[in-house]
Amino acid sequence: MRVHHYARQLASPFPLLAAIGARTTRIEIGTAVIDMRYENPLYMAEDAAAADLIAGGRLQLGLSRGSPEPALRGSESFGYVPPEGESDADYARHKTEVFRAAITGAGMAEADPVMTGSIGKLPIQPQSPGLGERIWWGSGTRETARWAAAQGMNLQSSTLLSEDTGVSFGELQAEQIDIYRDAWIAAGWDREPRVSVSRSVLPILTDEDRAYFGGRASGGDRDQLGRLDGGIARFGRSYTGEPDVIAAELAKDPAVQMADTVLLTVPNQLGVEYCARMLETIAQHVAPAIGWAPEATKPQQGSASVDEAPPLD
C-alpha cells in the first residue's frame, strides 16, 4: 500500500495492515513505501511487530527516505528535524538503522533495576521472529540499490528512477538489479534477497475500461523524462491495451524478467469493485505471462504480486 502524508491517501499503514492480516491467511501484505523521515523508529517497530504477529509473519515492509510530497518539509511539522549537517536521506537511513535493530531484539532502553530487578538494555515488545528479513528499501538509483544490498535489505524499484543514462527504463532498472545482486554477494549475506519492480498495467476489456483508458494505445506509451529533486529522472511507461498484448510486452521487459516479485499499480480512485475486477483480469490474462500462478498450483517463490506501488527514492 502507498503511504503519503498531507495527501488524501493512507498515512498510517499499520492499522490497515493488521486488519488485512486478521482477515486473510495467505497473501503477503506490505508497504511501498514508508517515508522514514516521518517515523519514530521505536514506536514503528512496536506497531510493525504487532501487525506481523497478527498476520502470522506475512508482512513485507518497504521503507525509503521519501518521495516528492505536497508539504514543504512536512516531516519537520511532526517534530522530526535532521541534525545539523545531516541530509534528509542521512536522517531516514539513521532511523531505518534504529528500526531494524529494534525489530531484531537489540536493547533500546536501560532497564530500571527497581522495576525489573536487573540491569542492561530492554528490547521493544512485542518481537516477531523473521520480520527483519522482510524489510525492503525503495531505491531510486543504482547507488542506493548498492547501499541497500550492503545493509542486507531486499530491493524495491518503482516506476521511476531519479537518474537517466539514455537507455530504456527497463534496461536501466535491470542494470540497477544487477548492481544490487552483485553487491549482495560481495557483502556475504547468507540468504537470497528478494527484488521487486513496479509496473502500471491497465488492461482494456470492457467499454468502461475504454472510457477510462482507451486514449492510451498499448505500445504508444513511452518512458518519460522529467526533473526530480533538481536532477533528471526517467519514468517508466504504462502498459495499456488488450491483456494479451500487455502480457507479451511485459514478458519482454528485462527488469520484469530479472525480478522475483512484480508490483502492479492500482488506480484506487475508481473504487473497490472496479479495481477488484481489474485485478482478476490481470491475474487471469496478464500475470501468467511473467511467471505467476495461483498459490495452489505454484510455490510462492518466483511469484508475481499485485499491489500498489508509488515512486520510490
C-alpha atoms as a PDB file:
ATOM      1  CA  MET A   1       0.000   0.000   0.000  1.00  0.00           C
ATOM      2  CA  ARG A   2       1.036   3.585  -0.558  1.00  0.00           C
ATOM      3  CA  VAL A   3       1.935   5.744   2.421  1.00  0.00           C
ATOM      4  CA  HIS A   4       1.818   9.520   1.943  1.00  0.00           C
ATOM      5  CA  HIS A   5       1.374  12.404   4.373  1.00  0.00           C
ATOM      6  CA  TYR A   6      -0.577  15.608   3.746  1.00  0.00           C
ATOM      7  CA  ALA A   7      -2.390  13.912   0.858  1.00  0.00           C
ATOM      8  CA  ARG A   8      -5.734  12.155   0.501  1.00  0.00           C
ATOM      9  CA  GLN A   9      -4.082   8.772   0.822  1.00  0.00           C
ATOM     10  CA  LEU A  10      -3.342   6.424   3.695  1.00  0.00           C
ATOM     11  CA  ALA A  11      -0.761   7.940   6.047  1.00  0.00           C
ATOM     12  CA  SER A  12      -0.831   5.400   8.922  1.00  0.00           C
ATOM     13  CA  PRO A  13      -0.467   1.914   7.431  1.00  0.00           C
ATOM     14  CA  PHE A  14      -0.309  -0.359  10.454  1.00  0.00           C
ATOM     15  CA  PRO A  15      -3.986  -0.384  11.468  1.00  0.00           C
ATOM     16  CA  LEU A  16      -4.953  -1.417   7.931  1.00  0.00           C
ATOM     17  CA  LEU A  17      -2.097  -3.917   7.671  1.00  0.00           C
ATOM     18  CA  ALA A  18      -3.249  -5.523  10.925  1.00  0.00           C
ATOM     19  CA  ALA A  19      -6.869  -5.608   9.742  1.00  0.00           C
ATOM     20  CA  ILE A  20      -5.885  -7.241   6.440  1.00  0.00           C
ATOM     21  CA  GLY A  21      -3.693  -9.706   8.330  1.00  0.00           C
ATOM     22  CA  ALA A  22      -6.591 -10.665  10.595  1.00  0.00           C
ATOM     23  CA  ARG A  23      -8.952 -11.283   7.663  1.00  0.00           C
ATOM     24  CA  THR A  24      -6.590 -13.169   5.315  1.00  0.00           C
ATOM     25  CA  THR A  25      -4.375 -16.215   5.553  1.00  0.00           C
ATOM     26  CA  ARG A  26      -2.069 -16.433   2.516  1.00  0.00           C
ATOM     27  CA  ILE A  27      -1.343 -13.138   0.794  1.00  0.00           C
ATOM     28  CA  GLU A  28       1.713 -11.065   1.556  1.00  0.00           C
ATOM     29  CA  ILE A  29       0.884  -7.636   2.983  1.00  0.00           C
ATOM     30  CA  GLY A  30       3.176  -4.681   2.668  1.00  0.00           C
ATOM     31  CA  THR A  31       4.054  -1.076   2.009  1.00  0.00           C
ATOM     32  CA  ALA A  32       5.748   0.694  -0.853  1.00  0.00           C
ATOM     33  CA  VAL A  33       6.950   2.756   0.838  1.00  0.00           C
ATOM     34  CA  ILE A  34       7.003   4.220   4.352  1.00  0.00           C
ATOM     35  CA  ASP A  35       8.791   7.577   4.438  1.00  0.00           C
ATOM     36  CA  MET A  36      11.180   7.144   7.351  1.00  0.00           C
ATOM     37  CA  ARG A  37      11.635  10.894   7.786  1.00  0.00           C
ATOM     38  CA  TYR A  38       8.185  10.956   9.424  1.00  0.00           C
ATOM     39  CA  GLU A  39       8.671   7.962  11.724  1.00  0.00           C
ATOM     40  CA  ASN A  40       9.593   7.346  15.338  1.00  0.00           C
ATOM     41  CA  PRO A  41      11.582   4.158  14.700  1.00  0.00           C
ATOM     42  CA  LEU A  42      10.861   2.525  18.078  1.00  0.00           C
ATOM     43  CA  TYR A  43       7.122   3.208  18.018  1.00  0.00           C
ATOM     44  CA  MET A  44       7.089   1.972  14.426  1.00  0.00           C
ATOM     45  CA  ALA A  45       8.950  -1.195  15.464  1.00  0.00           C
ATOM     46  CA  GLU A  46       6.252  -1.953  18.052  1.00  0.00           C
ATOM     47  CA  ASP A  47       3.477  -1.391  15.508  1.00  0.00           C
ATOM     48  CA  ALA A  48       5.224  -3.444  12.829  1.00  0.00           C
ATOM     49  CA  ALA A  49       5.859  -6.411  15.116  1.00  0.00           C
ATOM     50  CA  ALA A  50       2.268  -6.410  16.373  1.00  0.00           C
ATOM     51  CA  ALA A  51       0.860  -6.261  12.825  1.00  0.00           C
ATOM     52  CA  ASP A  52       3.219  -9.030  11.700  1.00  0.00           C
ATOM     53  CA  LEU A  53       2.184 -11.296  14.572  1.00  0.00           C
ATOM     54  CA  ILE A  54      -1.489 -10.746  13.739  1.00  0.00           C
ATOM     55  CA  ALA A  55      -0.734 -11.634  10.100  1.00  0.00           C
ATOM     56  CA  GLY A  56       1.237 -14.727  11.006  1.00  0.00           C
ATOM     57  CA  GLY A  57       4.527 -13.418   9.633  1.00  0.00           C
ATOM     58  CA  ARG A  58       3.303 -12.159   6.248  1.00  0.00           C
ATOM     59  CA  LEU A  59       4.370  -8.515   6.481  1.00  0.00           C
ATOM     60  CA  GLN A  60       6.696  -7.156   3.750  1.00  0.00           C
ATOM     61  CA  LEU A  61       7.668  -3.600   4.702  1.00  0.00           C
ATOM     62  CA  GLY A  62       9.078  -1.215   2.111  1.00  0.00           C
ATOM     63  CA  LEU A  63      10.914   1.809   3.549  1.00  0.00           C
ATOM     64  CA  SER A  64      12.642   4.792   1.980  1.00  0.00           C
ATOM     65  CA  ARG A  65      13.803   8.370   2.509  1.00  0.00           C
ATOM     66  CA  GLY A  66      10.578   9.544   0.893  1.00  0.00           C
ATOM     67  CA  SER A  67       9.389  10.891  -2.427  1.00  0.00           C
ATOM     68  CA  PRO A  68       8.203  14.345  -3.563  1.00  0.00           C
ATOM     69  CA  GLU A  69       5.248  15.459  -1.451  1.00  0.00           C
ATOM     70  CA  PRO A  70       2.698  18.273  -1.149  1.00  0.00           C
ATOM     71  CA  ALA A  71       4.101  19.582   2.141  1.00  0.00           C
ATOM     72  CA  LEU A  72       7.196  21.735   2.386  1.00  0.00           C
ATOM     73  CA  ARG A  73       9.467  19.999   4.904  1.00  0.00           C
ATOM     74  CA  GLY A  74       6.438  18.092   6.135  1.00  0.00           C
ATOM     75  CA  SER A  75       8.327  15.781   8.481  1.00  0.00           C
ATOM     76  CA  GLU A  76       9.539  18.795  10.448  1.00  0.00           C
ATOM     77  CA  SER A  77       5.926  19.554  11.384  1.00  0.00           C
ATOM     78  CA  PHE A  78       5.868  16.113  13.022  1.00  0.00           C
ATOM     79  CA  GLY A  79       8.798  17.192  15.171  1.00  0.00           C
ATOM     80  CA  TYR A  80      11.497  15.417  13.163  1.00  0.00           C
ATOM     81  CA  VAL A  81      14.328  17.710  12.047  1.00  0.00           C
ATOM     82  CA  PRO A  82      17.614  16.297  10.720  1.00  0.00           C
ATOM     83  CA  PRO A  83      20.593  17.113  12.943  1.00  0.00           C
ATOM     84  CA  GLU A  84      22.936  19.864  11.796  1.00  0.00           C
ATOM     85  CA  GLY A  85      24.907  18.754   8.749  1.00  0.00           C
ATOM     86  CA  GLU A  86      22.679  15.725   8.065  1.00  0.00           C
ATOM     87  CA  SER A  87      20.550  15.437   4.917  1.00  0.00           C
ATOM     88  CA  ASP A  88      17.014  14.049   4.726  1.00  0.00           C
ATOM     89  CA  ALA A  89      18.480  10.889   3.213  1.00  0.00           C
ATOM     90  CA  ASP A  90      21.001  10.542   6.052  1.00  0.00           C
ATOM     91  CA  TYR A  91      18.265  11.083   8.621  1.00  0.00           C
ATOM     92  CA  ALA A  92      15.981   8.482   7.056  1.00  0.00           C
ATOM     93  CA  ARG A  93      18.797   5.949   6.869  1.00  0.00           C
ATOM     94  CA  HIS A  94      19.712   6.505  10.517  1.00  0.00           C
ATOM     95  CA  LYS A  95      16.102   5.960  11.568  1.00  0.00           C
ATOM     96  CA  THR A  96      15.978   2.827   9.421  1.00  0.00           C
ATOM     97  CA  GLU A  97      19.070   1.514  11.207  1.00  0.00           C
ATOM     98  CA  VAL A  98      17.429   2.034  14.604  1.00  0.00           C
ATOM     99  CA  PHE A  99      14.146   0.463  13.429  1.00  0.00           C
ATOM    100  CA  ARG A 100      15.880  -2.626  12.041  1.00  0.00           C
ATOM    101  CA  ALA A 101      17.888  -3.078  15.217  1.00  0.00           C
ATOM    102  CA  ALA A 102      14.728  -2.783  17.305  1.00  0.00           C
ATOM    103  CA  ILE A 103      12.752  -5.419  15.371  1.00  0.00           C
ATOM    104  CA  THR A 104      15.612  -7.892  15.722  1.00  0.00           C
ATOM    105  CA  GLY A 105      15.692  -7.663  19.514  1.00  0.00           C
ATOM    106  CA  ALA A 106      18.503  -5.206  20.231  1.00  0.00           C
ATOM    107  CA  GLY A 107      18.314  -3.451  23.584  1.00  0.00           C
ATOM    108  CA  MET A 108      16.914   0.050  23.210  1.00  0.00           C
ATOM    109  CA  ALA A 109      16.426   1.451  26.724  1.00  0.00           C
ATOM    110  CA  GLU A 110      18.210   0.904  30.027  1.00  0.00           C
ATOM    111  CA  ALA A 111      16.247  -1.251  32.458  1.00  0.00           C
ATOM    112  CA  ASP A 112      15.152   0.277  35.741  1.00  0.00           C
ATOM    113  CA  PRO A 113      16.546  -2.083  38.420  1.00  0.00           C
ATOM    114  CA  VAL A 114      13.805  -1.046  40.839  1.00  0.00           C
ATOM    115  CA  MET A 115      11.134  -2.219  38.388  1.00  0.00           C
ATOM    116  CA  THR A 116      12.900  -5.175  36.763  1.00  0.00           C
ATOM    117  CA  GLY A 117      15.392  -6.402  39.335  1.00  0.00           C
ATOM    118  CA  SER A 118      18.064  -6.393  36.644  1.00  0.00           C
ATOM    119  CA  ILE A 119      20.355  -4.115  34.682  1.00  0.00           C
ATOM    120  CA  GLY A 120      21.005  -3.914  30.968  1.00  0.00           C
ATOM    121  CA  LYS A 121      19.049  -2.750  27.954  1.00  0.00           C
ATOM    122  CA  LEU A 122      15.487  -3.742  27.176  1.00  0.00           C
ATOM    123  CA  PRO A 123      14.233  -4.621  23.680  1.00  0.00           C
ATOM    124  CA  ILE A 124      10.949  -3.303  22.370  1.00  0.00           C
ATOM    125  CA  GLN A 125       7.940  -5.610  22.687  1.00  0.00           C
ATOM    126  CA  PRO A 126       6.460  -7.488  21.010  1.00  0.00           C
ATOM    127  CA  GLN A 127       9.043  -9.213  18.839  1.00  0.00           C
ATOM    128  CA  SER A 128       8.077 -11.004  15.626  1.00  0.00           C
ATOM    129  CA  PRO A 129      10.737 -13.509  14.531  1.00  0.00           C
ATOM    130  CA  GLY A 130      11.751 -13.207  10.886  1.00  0.00           C
ATOM    131  CA  LEU A 131      10.447  -9.683  10.335  1.00  0.00           C
ATOM    132  CA  GLY A 132      13.981  -8.371   9.971  1.00  0.00           C
ATOM    133  CA  GLU A 133      14.431 -10.376   6.767  1.00  0.00           C
ATOM    134  CA  ARG A 134      11.254  -8.920   5.273  1.00  0.00           C
ATOM    135  CA  ILE A 135      12.363  -5.296   5.144  1.00  0.00           C
ATOM    136  CA  TRP A 136      12.782  -3.672   1.713  1.00  0.00           C
ATOM    137  CA  TRP A 137      14.452  -0.442   0.654  1.00  0.00           C
ATOM    138  CA  GLY A 138      12.782   1.689  -2.010  1.00  0.00           C
ATOM    139  CA  SER A 139      15.664   2.599  -4.269  1.00  0.00           C
ATOM    140  CA  GLY A 140      15.533   5.290  -6.955  1.00  0.00           C
ATOM    141  CA  THR A 141      19.138   4.997  -8.162  1.00  0.00           C
ATOM    142  CA  ARG A 142      21.787   2.407  -8.844  1.00  0.00           C
ATOM    143  CA  GLU A 143      23.890   3.688  -5.967  1.00  0.00           C
ATOM    144  CA  THR A 144      21.095   3.399  -3.377  1.00  0.00           C
ATOM    145  CA  ALA A 145      20.462  -0.140  -4.632  1.00  0.00           C
ATOM    146  CA  ARG A 146      24.107  -0.909  -3.894  1.00  0.00           C
ATOM    147  CA  TRP A 147      23.670   0.599  -0.413  1.00  0.00           C
ATOM    148  CA  ALA A 148      20.512  -1.438   0.263  1.00  0.00           C
ATOM    149  CA  ALA A 149      22.376  -4.639  -0.587  1.00  0.00           C
ATOM    150  CA  ALA A 150      25.238  -3.740   1.736  1.00  0.00           C
ATOM    151  CA  GLN A 151      22.684  -3.268   4.544  1.00  0.00           C
ATOM    152  CA  GLY A 152      21.035  -6.635   3.911  1.00  0.00           C
ATOM    153  CA  MET A 153      17.648  -5.275   2.833  1.00  0.00           C
ATOM    154  CA  ASN A 154      15.501  -6.509  -0.026  1.00  0.00           C
ATOM    155  CA  LEU A 155      15.131  -4.180  -3.017  1.00  0.00           C
ATOM    156  CA  GLN A 156      12.036  -2.328  -4.219  1.00  0.00           C
ATOM    157  CA  SER A 157      12.392  -0.479  -7.510  1.00  0.00           C
ATOM    158  CA  SER A 158       9.376   1.510  -8.632  1.00  0.00           C
ATOM    159  CA  THR A 159       8.039   3.128 -11.795  1.00  0.00           C
ATOM    160  CA  LEU A 160      10.639   5.895 -11.705  1.00  0.00           C
ATOM    161  CA  LEU A 161      14.383   6.192 -11.317  1.00  0.00           C
ATOM    162  CA  SER A 162      15.885   9.509 -10.301  1.00  0.00           C
ATOM    163  CA  GLU A 163      18.683   9.226 -12.860  1.00  0.00           C
ATOM    164  CA  ASP A 164      18.987   8.653 -16.601  1.00  0.00           C
ATOM    165  CA  THR A 165      21.668   7.171 -18.835  1.00  0.00           C
ATOM    166  CA  GLY A 166      19.812   7.265 -22.150  1.00  0.00           C
ATOM    167  CA  VAL A 167      18.726   3.620 -22.143  1.00  0.00           C
ATOM    168  CA  SER A 168      15.135   2.456 -21.691  1.00  0.00           C
ATOM    169  CA  PHE A 169      13.584   2.350 -18.235  1.00  0.00           C
ATOM    170  CA  GLY A 170      13.547  -1.455 -18.209  1.00  0.00           C
ATOM    171  CA  GLU A 171      17.216  -1.628 -19.180  1.00  0.00           C
ATOM    172  CA  LEU A 172      18.253   0.934 -16.573  1.00  0.00           C
ATOM    173  CA  GLN A 173      16.253  -0.905 -13.908  1.00  0.00           C
ATOM    174  CA  ALA A 174      17.808  -4.224 -14.968  1.00  0.00           C
ATOM    175  CA  GLU A 175      21.246  -2.643 -14.519  1.00  0.00           C
ATOM    176  CA  GLN A 176      20.169  -1.469 -11.056  1.00  0.00           C
ATOM    177  CA  ILE A 177      19.137  -5.028 -10.160  1.00  0.00           C
ATOM    178  CA  ASP A 178      22.448  -6.423 -11.421  1.00  0.00           C
ATOM    179  CA  ILE A 179      24.365  -3.935  -9.282  1.00  0.00           C
ATOM    180  CA  TYR A 180      22.225  -4.798  -6.274  1.00  0.00           C
ATOM    181  CA  ARG A 181      22.731  -8.558  -6.609  1.00  0.00           C
ATOM    182  CA  ASP A 182      26.480  -8.206  -7.130  1.00  0.00           C
ATOM    183  CA  ALA A 183      26.685  -6.010  -4.026  1.00  0.00           C
ATOM    184  CA  TRP A 184      24.630  -8.550  -2.067  1.00  0.00           C
ATOM    185  CA  ILE A 185      27.073 -11.308  -2.933  1.00  0.00           C
ATOM    186  CA  ALA A 186      30.042  -9.077  -2.110  1.00  0.00           C
ATOM    187  CA  ALA A 187      28.525  -8.343   1.322  1.00  0.00           C
ATOM    188  CA  GLY A 188      28.477 -12.067   2.099  1.00  0.00           C
ATOM    189  CA  TRP A 189      24.868 -12.377   3.250  1.00  0.00           C
ATOM    190  CA  ASP A 190      23.778 -15.981   3.809  1.00  0.00           C
ATOM    191  CA  ARG A 191      20.269 -15.733   2.367  1.00  0.00           C
ATOM    192  CA  GLU A 192      18.799 -14.976  -1.031  1.00  0.00           C
ATOM    193  CA  PRO A 193      17.462 -11.424  -1.358  1.00  0.00           C
ATOM    194  CA  ARG A 194      14.171 -10.510  -2.951  1.00  0.00           C
ATOM    195  CA  VAL A 195      13.779  -7.917  -5.683  1.00  0.00           C
ATOM    196  CA  SER A 196      10.551  -6.237  -6.772  1.00  0.00           C
ATOM    197  CA  VAL A 197       9.787  -3.907  -9.658  1.00  0.00           C
ATOM    198  CA  SER A 198       6.584  -1.937 -10.197  1.00  0.00           C
ATOM    199  CA  ARG A 199       4.600  -1.547 -13.381  1.00  0.00           C
ATOM    200  CA  SER A 200       1.478   0.407 -14.270  1.00  0.00           C
ATOM    201  CA  VAL A 201      -0.804  -2.088 -16.016  1.00  0.00           C
ATOM    202  CA  LEU A 202      -4.214  -1.049 -17.365  1.00  0.00           C
ATOM    203  CA  PRO A 203      -5.932  -3.869 -19.276  1.00  0.00           C
ATOM    204  CA  ILE A 204      -8.852  -2.952 -21.549  1.00  0.00           C
ATOM    205  CA  LEU A 205     -11.685  -5.462 -21.855  1.00  0.00           C
ATOM    206  CA  THR A 206     -14.932  -3.533 -21.421  1.00  0.00           C
ATOM    207  CA  ASP A 207     -16.498  -0.312 -22.637  1.00  0.00           C
ATOM    208  CA  GLU A 208     -15.908   1.127 -19.164  1.00  0.00           C
ATOM    209  CA  ASP A 209     -12.190   0.315 -19.457  1.00  0.00           C
ATOM    210  CA  ARG A 210     -12.094   2.001 -22.856  1.00  0.00           C
ATOM    211  CA  ALA A 211     -13.811   5.089 -21.457  1.00  0.00           C
ATOM    212  CA  TYR A 212     -11.130   5.405 -18.776  1.00  0.00           C
ATOM    213  CA  PHE A 213      -8.006   4.303 -20.653  1.00  0.00           C
ATOM    214  CA  GLY A 214      -8.864   3.885 -24.326  1.00  0.00           C
ATOM    215  CA  GLY A 215      -6.972   7.020 -25.294  1.00  0.00           C
ATOM    216  CA  ARG A 216      -3.720   5.269 -24.453  1.00  0.00           C
ATOM    217  CA  ALA A 217      -2.929   2.684 -27.107  1.00  0.00           C
ATOM    218  CA  SER A 218      -0.625  -0.025 -25.818  1.00  0.00           C
ATOM    219  CA  GLY A 219       2.751   0.478 -27.382  1.00  0.00           C
ATOM    220  CA  GLY A 220       2.046   4.190 -27.737  1.00  0.00           C
ATOM    221  CA  ASP A 221       3.130   4.898 -24.177  1.00  0.00           C
ATOM    222  CA  ARG A 222       6.807   5.645 -23.815  1.00  0.00           C
ATOM    223  CA  ASP A 223       9.201   6.287 -20.980  1.00  0.00           C
ATOM    224  CA  GLN A 224       9.115   9.901 -19.842  1.00  0.00           C
ATOM    225  CA  LEU A 225      11.936  12.150 -18.732  1.00  0.00           C
ATOM    226  CA  GLY A 226      11.441  14.828 -16.102  1.00  0.00           C
ATOM    227  CA  ARG A 227      13.165  16.693 -13.317  1.00  0.00           C
ATOM    228  CA  LEU A 228      13.070  15.412  -9.754  1.00  0.00           C
ATOM    229  CA  ASP A 229      14.931  16.915  -6.799  1.00  0.00           C
ATOM    230  CA  GLY A 230      16.997  19.000  -9.183  1.00  0.00           C
ATOM    231  CA  GLY A 231      18.091  16.153 -11.452  1.00  0.00           C
ATOM    232  CA  ILE A 232      16.845  14.269 -14.500  1.00  0.00           C
ATOM    233  CA  ALA A 233      14.580  11.289 -13.748  1.00  0.00           C
ATOM    234  CA  ARG A 234      13.237   8.557 -16.005  1.00  0.00           C
ATOM    235  CA  PHE A 235       9.615   7.463 -15.526  1.00  0.00           C
ATOM    236  CA  GLY A 236       8.515   4.061 -16.761  1.00  0.00           C
ATOM    237  CA  ARG A 237       5.722   3.758 -19.310  1.00  0.00           C
ATOM    238  CA  SER A 238       2.212   2.485 -18.621  1.00  0.00           C
ATOM    239  CA  TYR A 239       1.093  -0.791 -20.192  1.00  0.00           C
ATOM    240  CA  THR A 240      -2.376  -0.149 -21.576  1.00  0.00           C
ATOM    241  CA  GLY A 241      -4.445  -2.217 -24.014  1.00  0.00           C
ATOM    242  CA  GLU A 242      -5.647  -5.747 -24.661  1.00  0.00           C
ATOM    243  CA  PRO A 243      -4.450  -8.177 -21.964  1.00  0.00           C
ATOM    244  CA  ASP A 244      -2.624 -10.479 -24.400  1.00  0.00           C
ATOM    245  CA  VAL A 245      -0.675  -7.550 -25.855  1.00  0.00           C
ATOM    246  CA  ILE A 246       0.266  -6.302 -22.380  1.00  0.00           C
ATOM    247  CA  ALA A 247       1.328  -9.824 -21.374  1.00  0.00           C
ATOM    248  CA  ALA A 248       3.616 -10.115 -24.387  1.00  0.00           C
ATOM    249  CA  GLU A 249       5.190  -6.712 -23.700  1.00  0.00           C
ATOM    250  CA  LEU A 250       5.804  -7.448 -20.016  1.00  0.00           C
ATOM    251  CA  ALA A 251       7.349 -10.802 -20.926  1.00  0.00           C
ATOM    252  CA  LYS A 252       9.978  -8.874 -22.910  1.00  0.00           C
ATOM    253  CA  ASP A 253      10.683  -6.307 -20.179  1.00  0.00           C
ATOM    254  CA  PRO A 254      14.230  -7.086 -18.942  1.00  0.00           C
ATOM    255  CA  ALA A 255      13.671  -5.829 -15.381  1.00  0.00           C
ATOM    256  CA  VAL A 256      10.401  -7.741 -15.013  1.00  0.00           C
ATOM    257  CA  GLN A 257      12.208 -10.897 -16.051  1.00  0.00           C
ATOM    258  CA  MET A 258      15.029 -10.307 -13.555  1.00  0.00           C
ATOM    259  CA  ALA A 259      12.787  -9.535 -10.555  1.00  0.00           C
ATOM    260  CA  ASP A 260      11.196 -12.239  -8.424  1.00  0.00           C
ATOM    261  CA  THR A 261       8.232 -10.015  -7.491  1.00  0.00           C
ATOM    262  CA  VAL A 262       6.212  -7.618  -9.647  1.00  0.00           C
ATOM    263  CA  LEU A 263       4.030  -4.954  -8.026  1.00  0.00           C
ATOM    264  CA  LEU A 264       1.183  -3.798 -10.260  1.00  0.00           C
ATOM    265  CA  THR A 265      -0.200  -0.349  -9.525  1.00  0.00           C
ATOM    266  CA  VAL A 266      -3.933   0.005  -8.976  1.00  0.00           C
ATOM    267  CA  PRO A 267      -5.914   3.182  -9.857  1.00  0.00           C
ATOM    268  CA  ASN A 268      -7.632   3.256  -6.481  1.00  0.00           C
ATOM    269  CA  GLN A 269      -9.696   6.356  -7.316  1.00  0.00           C
ATOM    270  CA  LEU A 270     -12.032   4.110  -9.341  1.00  0.00           C
ATOM    271  CA  GLY A 271     -13.366   2.181  -6.348  1.00  0.00           C
ATOM    272  CA  VAL A 272     -13.111  -1.297  -4.890  1.00  0.00           C
ATOM    273  CA  GLU A 273     -15.418  -3.081  -7.330  1.00  0.00           C
ATOM    274  CA  TYR A 274     -13.659  -1.765 -10.426  1.00  0.00           C
ATOM    275  CA  CYS A 275     -10.183  -2.469  -9.038  1.00  0.00           C
ATOM    276  CA  ALA A 276     -11.148  -5.991  -7.964  1.00  0.00           C
ATOM    277  CA  ARG A 277     -12.340  -6.709 -11.486  1.00  0.00           C
ATOM    278  CA  MET A 278      -9.112  -5.271 -12.906  1.00  0.00           C
ATOM    279  CA  LEU A 279      -7.007  -7.454 -10.612  1.00  0.00           C
ATOM    280  CA  GLU A 280      -8.993 -10.510 -11.711  1.00  0.00           C
ATOM    281  CA  THR A 281      -8.287  -9.658 -15.362  1.00  0.00           C
ATOM    282  CA  ILE A 282      -4.588  -9.216 -14.620  1.00  0.00           C
ATOM    283  CA  ALA A 283      -4.428 -12.489 -12.667  1.00  0.00           C
ATOM    284  CA  GLN A 284      -6.149 -14.469 -15.407  1.00  0.00           C
ATOM    285  CA  HIS A 285      -4.738 -12.915 -18.573  1.00  0.00           C
ATOM    286  CA  VAL A 286      -1.541 -10.973 -17.820  1.00  0.00           C
ATOM    287  CA  ALA A 287       0.327 -12.299 -14.779  1.00  0.00           C
ATOM    288  CA  PRO A 288       0.792 -15.886 -16.091  1.00  0.00           C
ATOM    289  CA  ALA A 289       2.952 -14.495 -18.907  1.00  0.00           C
ATOM    290  CA  ILE A 290       5.507 -13.256 -16.367  1.00  0.00           C
ATOM    291  CA  GLY A 291       5.590 -16.418 -14.282  1.00  0.00           C
ATOM    292  CA  TRP A 292       2.746 -16.023 -11.822  1.00  0.00           C
ATOM    293  CA  ALA A 293       0.359 -18.843 -10.946  1.00  0.00           C
ATOM    294  CA  PRO A 294      -2.215 -19.294  -8.154  1.00  0.00           C
ATOM    295  CA  GLU A 295      -0.834 -20.479  -4.831  1.00  0.00           C
ATOM    296  CA  ALA A 296      -2.465 -23.883  -5.237  1.00  0.00           C
ATOM    297  CA  THR A 297      -0.502 -24.616  -8.417  1.00  0.00           C
ATOM    298  CA  LYS A 298       2.865 -22.930  -7.836  1.00  0.00           C
ATOM    299  CA  PRO A 299       5.218 -22.332  -4.882  1.00  0.00           C
ATOM    300  CA  GLN A 300       5.334 -18.789  -3.555  1.00  0.00           C
ATOM    301  CA  GLN A 301       8.936 -18.059  -4.554  1.00  0.00           C
ATOM    302  CA  GLY A 302       9.189 -16.559  -8.007  1.00  0.00           C
ATOM    303  CA  SER A 303       5.582 -15.406  -7.995  1.00  0.00           C
ATOM    304  CA  ALA A 304       4.257 -12.039  -9.010  1.00  0.00           C
ATOM    305  CA  SER A 305       2.380  -9.915  -6.509  1.00  0.00           C
ATOM    306  CA  VAL A 306      -0.384  -7.413  -7.134  1.00  0.00           C
ATOM    307  CA  ASP A 307      -0.216  -4.294  -5.017  1.00  0.00           C
ATOM    308  CA  GLU A 308       0.004  -0.534  -5.134  1.00  0.00           C
ATOM    309  CA  ALA A 309       3.400   1.000  -5.798  1.00  0.00           C
ATOM    310  CA  PRO A 310       4.412   4.650  -5.533  1.00  0.00           C
ATOM    311  CA  PRO A 311       7.535   6.439  -6.656  1.00  0.00           C
ATOM    312  CA  LEU A 312      10.481   5.237  -4.590  1.00  0.00           C
ATOM    313  CA  ASP A 313      13.598   7.089  -3.600  1.00  0.00           C
END
